[in-house]
């Protein structure tokens, strides 16, 4: 069996219990060495074969998987964060289907969750934002025109942006062009949950300066939106005047 396992955002103890158990059972691990915390390999068996995919092509990764399957080995493809977000797993899965090989996907904690935790913020605040846009700035890999940052910015909701820390000048301009006021709150979270995590609060207009002053050019999440610093309404769920299936409202609502 081949398992695509989400390694989590960085911290060794933020991998799921299922992911940790699978790593401990693996005969072969292929991990993204440029992104995944190598400390996770400490969960592996001493005789486990380990491959760093940072220097491998898709074809070479598949060759390792196919060879391991022929030997009836347990293979782990260890991806950073959650594999469903910018993990490039679909192209691997489609090839495995062509080879009629069995696989499973194990979710992981994404960097956008770790970034919010580092800032102690909630993306979905009543009266401020009830939606979260997860996207990226167009770079070497294009994005569909209708998903350009300018278009997404018209919603004025919470945004968590991957793969954009090296394009802050472009990102800042597109956010403003799309409708965010220059003074809109923003944050850059470098290596969320890692020991060298760095949190920088700034504004949309000052993203470039914040990145330069803190030498951040990669491996960072960019968060944008009023959820970072706005007043919000109290949640109705826990309001004393709100009834639901597990609690009756008080008469006074106090």
Protein backbone atom coordinates (compact mmCIF):
# COMPACT_ATOMS: atom_id res chain seq x y z
CA UNK A 1 0.00 0.00 0.00
CA UNK A 2 1.07 3.55 -0.74
CA UNK A 3 0.04 6.29 1.67
CA UNK A 4 0.07 10.01 0.92
CA UNK A 5 0.55 11.45 4.40
CA UNK A 6 0.19 15.06 5.48
CA UNK A 7 3.25 15.90 7.55
CA UNK A 8 1.66 18.97 9.14
CA UNK A 9 3.00 22.53 9.09
CA UNK A 10 6.38 21.82 10.61
CA UNK A 11 6.38 20.95 14.29
CA UNK A 12 7.14 17.27 14.82
CA UNK A 13 4.18 16.82 17.17
CA UNK A 14 1.65 18.39 14.80
CA UNK A 15 1.48 15.36 12.55
CA UNK A 16 -1.70 13.33 13.06
CA UNK A 17 -1.63 10.19 15.19
CA UNK A 18 -2.51 8.17 12.09
CA UNK A 19 0.32 9.75 10.14
CA UNK A 20 2.82 9.05 12.92
CA UNK A 21 1.74 5.40 13.17
CA UNK A 22 2.06 4.91 9.42
CA UNK A 23 5.56 6.41 9.39
CA UNK A 24 6.56 3.96 12.13
CA UNK A 25 5.32 1.07 9.98
CA UNK A 26 6.83 2.25 6.70
CA UNK A 27 9.40 0.29 4.73
CA UNK A 28 9.95 3.18 2.33
CA UNK A 29 9.47 6.93 2.84
CA UNK A 30 9.63 9.57 0.12
CA UNK A 31 9.53 13.01 1.70
CA UNK A 32 9.78 16.58 0.47
CA UNK A 33 13.06 17.40 2.18
CA UNK A 34 12.95 21.10 1.32
CA UNK A 35 9.68 21.54 3.21
CA UNK A 36 9.04 18.65 5.60
CA UNK A 37 10.65 18.64 9.03
CA UNK A 38 13.26 15.86 8.95
CA UNK A 39 12.61 15.19 12.65
CA UNK A 40 9.51 13.28 11.54
CA UNK A 41 11.83 10.61 10.18
CA UNK A 42 12.73 9.82 13.79
CA UNK A 43 9.40 7.94 13.95
CA UNK A 44 10.60 5.59 11.17
CA UNK A 45 12.12 2.13 11.59
CA UNK A 46 15.94 1.96 11.47
CA UNK A 47 15.86 -0.12 8.30
CA UNK A 48 13.36 2.09 6.48
CA UNK A 49 14.56 3.33 3.07
CA UNK A 50 14.30 7.13 2.87
CA UNK A 51 14.28 9.24 -0.30
CA UNK A 52 14.37 13.04 -0.45
CA UNK A 53 12.09 14.09 -3.31
CA UNK A 54 13.55 17.62 -3.42
CA UNK A 55 16.06 16.40 -5.99
CA UNK A 56 13.78 13.93 -7.75
CA UNK A 57 11.47 14.18 -10.74
CA UNK A 58 7.90 12.90 -10.75
CA UNK A 59 9.01 9.92 -12.82
CA UNK A 60 11.73 9.04 -10.30
CA UNK A 61 9.26 9.26 -7.41
CA UNK A 62 6.85 6.95 -9.21
CA UNK A 63 9.64 4.49 -9.99
CA UNK A 64 10.41 4.19 -6.27
CA UNK A 65 6.73 3.64 -5.47
CA UNK A 66 6.27 1.01 -8.16
CA UNK A 67 9.43 -0.84 -7.11
CA UNK A 68 8.33 -0.83 -3.46
CA UNK A 69 4.89 -2.14 -4.37
CA UNK A 70 6.41 -5.00 -6.34
CA UNK A 71 8.18 -5.98 -3.12
CA UNK A 72 4.94 -5.69 -1.11
CA UNK A 73 6.40 -2.88 1.00
CA UNK A 74 4.58 -0.10 2.86
CA UNK A 75 5.39 3.22 1.19
CA UNK A 76 4.80 6.69 2.64
CA UNK A 77 4.76 9.76 0.40
CA UNK A 78 5.22 12.46 3.01
CA UNK A 79 3.93 15.88 1.97
CA UNK A 80 4.10 19.13 3.92
CA UNK A 81 0.93 20.42 5.58
CA UNK A 82 -2.17 18.81 4.13
CA UNK A 83 -1.57 16.96 0.84
CA UNK A 84 -4.74 18.37 -0.75
CA UNK A 85 -3.35 21.91 -0.78
CA UNK A 86 -0.51 22.58 -3.25
CA UNK A 87 0.76 19.05 -2.67
CA UNK A 88 0.86 18.02 -6.35
CA UNK A 89 -0.60 14.66 -5.38
CA UNK A 90 -3.20 14.38 -8.13
CA UNK A 91 -0.62 13.76 -10.85
CA UNK A 92 0.93 11.04 -8.69
CA UNK A 93 -2.44 9.47 -7.94
CA UNK A 94 -3.44 9.39 -11.59
CA UNK A 95 -0.24 7.54 -12.52
CA UNK A 96 -0.72 5.07 -9.66
CA UNK A 97 -4.22 4.38 -10.99
CA UNK A 98 -2.71 3.64 -14.40
CA UNK A 99 -0.45 1.12 -12.69
CA UNK A 100 -3.46 -0.26 -10.77
CA UNK A 101 -1.69 0.32 -7.46
CA UNK A 102 -3.55 0.81 -4.18
CA UNK A 103 -3.15 4.05 -2.24
CA UNK A 104 -4.73 6.09 0.53
CA UNK A 105 -4.56 9.78 1.44
CA UNK A 106 -4.08 10.78 5.07
CA UNK A 107 -4.92 14.45 5.80
CA UNK A 108 -2.66 16.72 7.79
CA UNK A 109 -2.67 20.06 9.62
CA UNK A 110 -2.25 22.80 7.05
CA UNK A 111 0.03 25.82 7.36
CA UNK A 112 -2.96 28.15 7.14
CA UNK A 113 -4.24 26.66 10.39
CA UNK A 114 -0.82 26.89 12.03
CA UNK A 115 -0.46 30.51 10.88
CA UNK A 116 -3.77 31.48 12.50
CA UNK A 117 -2.72 29.70 15.68
CA UNK A 118 0.58 31.60 15.71
CA UNK A 119 -1.36 34.86 15.53
CA UNK A 120 -4.09 33.71 17.95
CA UNK A 121 -6.78 34.76 15.48
CA UNK A 122 -9.99 33.36 14.02
CA UNK A 123 -10.65 33.64 10.30
CA UNK A 124 -14.43 33.61 10.66
CA UNK A 125 -15.61 36.42 12.94
CA UNK A 126 -19.33 37.29 13.16
CA UNK A 127 -19.99 40.63 11.50
CA UNK A 128 -16.51 40.70 9.94
CA UNK A 129 -15.92 37.64 7.78
CA UNK A 130 -17.63 34.29 7.39
CA UNK A 131 -15.49 33.02 4.53
CA UNK A 132 -11.86 32.17 4.01
CA UNK A 133 -10.17 32.32 0.62
CA UNK A 134 -7.13 30.07 0.27
CA UNK A 135 -5.08 30.93 -2.78
CA UNK A 136 -1.70 32.01 -4.11
CA UNK A 137 -0.15 34.72 -6.22
CA UNK A 138 0.50 33.80 -9.83
CA UNK A 139 4.18 33.07 -10.33
CA UNK A 140 5.97 30.42 -12.36
CA UNK A 141 2.75 28.42 -12.17
CA UNK A 142 -0.18 30.43 -13.49
CA UNK A 143 -3.60 30.67 -11.83
CA UNK A 144 -6.93 30.79 -13.69
CA UNK A 145 -7.78 34.36 -14.69
CA UNK A 146 -10.99 34.34 -12.66
CA UNK A 147 -8.93 33.40 -9.57
CA UNK A 148 -6.44 36.25 -9.89
CA UNK A 149 -5.75 38.05 -6.63
CA UNK A 150 -7.49 41.17 -7.95
CA UNK A 151 -10.69 39.17 -8.50
CA UNK A 152 -10.58 37.37 -5.19
CA UNK A 153 -9.93 40.63 -3.36
CA UNK A 154 -13.31 42.02 -4.37
CA UNK A 155 -14.90 39.76 -1.75
CA UNK A 156 -13.12 41.65 1.06
CA UNK A 157 -13.05 38.53 3.19
CA UNK A 158 -10.30 36.68 5.06
CA UNK A 159 -7.47 35.44 2.88
CA UNK A 160 -4.67 32.94 3.50
CA UNK A 161 -2.09 32.98 0.74
CA UNK A 162 0.43 30.25 0.04
CA UNK A 163 3.56 30.51 -2.11
CA UNK A 164 3.43 34.30 -2.19
CA UNK A 165 6.13 35.47 0.22
CA UNK A 166 8.61 35.88 -2.63
CA UNK A 167 6.19 38.03 -4.62
CA UNK A 168 5.10 40.54 -2.00
CA UNK A 169 5.39 43.56 -4.28
CA UNK A 170 3.11 41.96 -6.85
CA UNK A 171 0.76 40.67 -4.14
CA UNK A 172 0.43 44.04 -2.41
CA UNK A 173 -0.37 45.84 -5.66
CA UNK A 174 -2.95 43.24 -6.70
CA UNK A 175 -4.68 43.26 -3.32
CA UNK A 176 -5.06 47.03 -3.44
CA UNK A 177 -6.13 46.97 -7.07
CA UNK A 178 -8.78 44.41 -6.15
CA UNK A 179 -10.27 46.59 -3.46
CA UNK A 180 -8.42 46.18 -0.17
CA UNK A 181 -7.59 49.52 1.41
CA UNK A 182 -3.82 50.04 1.75
CA UNK A 183 -4.20 50.14 5.55
CA UNK A 184 -5.98 46.76 5.70
CA UNK A 185 -4.36 44.51 8.27
CA UNK A 186 -2.01 41.81 7.01
CA UNK A 187 0.48 39.40 8.52
CA UNK A 188 3.41 37.30 7.37
CA UNK A 189 3.98 34.07 9.28
CA UNK A 190 7.33 32.49 8.51
CA UNK A 191 7.63 28.73 9.14
CA UNK A 192 4.50 28.47 11.28
CA UNK A 193 4.97 26.03 14.20
CA UNK A 194 8.72 25.53 13.54
CA UNK A 195 11.24 26.47 16.26
CA UNK A 196 12.30 29.50 14.20
CA UNK A 197 8.74 30.68 13.56
CA UNK A 198 8.44 34.41 12.98
CA UNK A 199 5.22 36.43 13.05
CA UNK A 200 5.13 39.89 11.47
CA UNK A 201 2.01 42.06 11.63
CA UNK A 202 1.76 44.73 8.98
CA UNK A 203 -0.64 46.20 6.42
CA UNK A 204 -1.36 45.41 2.79
CA UNK A 205 0.58 48.50 1.70
CA UNK A 206 3.61 47.62 3.84
CA UNK A 207 3.93 43.93 2.95
CA UNK A 208 7.08 44.46 0.91
CA UNK A 209 8.81 46.47 3.63
CA UNK A 210 7.82 43.94 6.29
CA UNK A 211 9.23 41.09 4.24
CA UNK A 212 12.48 42.88 3.48
CA UNK A 213 13.04 44.05 7.06
CA UNK A 214 12.63 40.49 8.34
CA UNK A 215 14.44 38.75 5.46
CA UNK A 216 11.36 36.71 4.56
CA UNK A 217 11.23 35.55 0.98
CA UNK A 218 9.87 32.02 1.18
CA UNK A 219 8.33 29.38 3.45
CA UNK A 220 5.75 31.82 4.79
CA UNK A 221 2.00 32.35 4.82
CA UNK A 222 0.52 35.76 4.08
CA UNK A 223 -2.78 36.51 5.82
CA UNK A 224 -4.96 39.44 4.83
CA UNK A 225 -8.23 40.80 6.15
CA UNK A 226 -10.14 42.67 8.83
CA UNK A 227 -10.27 39.51 10.97
CA UNK A 228 -6.75 40.42 12.08
CA UNK A 229 -7.70 43.59 13.93
CA UNK A 230 -11.42 44.47 13.71
CA UNK A 231 -14.17 44.62 16.29
CA UNK A 232 -16.66 41.78 15.88
CA UNK A 233 -20.08 40.68 17.04
CA UNK A 234 -20.60 38.16 19.78
CA UNK A 235 -21.34 34.64 18.57
CA UNK A 236 -25.02 33.71 18.90
CA UNK A 237 -24.21 30.07 19.63
CA UNK A 238 -23.15 30.76 23.20
CA UNK A 239 -25.36 33.80 23.80
CA UNK A 240 -27.71 33.33 26.80
CA UNK A 241 -30.70 34.44 24.70
CA UNK A 242 -30.06 31.80 22.02
CA UNK A 243 -31.78 28.41 22.24
CA UNK A 244 -30.62 25.22 20.56
CA UNK A 245 -30.96 21.49 20.96
CA UNK A 246 -28.70 21.34 24.01
CA UNK A 247 -29.63 24.53 25.89
CA UNK A 248 -32.65 26.72 26.46
CA UNK A 249 -32.38 30.50 26.44
CA UNK A 250 -32.93 32.45 29.61
CA UNK A 251 -35.83 34.88 29.73
CA UNK A 252 -33.69 37.96 30.25
CA UNK A 253 -30.87 37.00 27.94
CA UNK A 254 -28.38 37.92 30.65
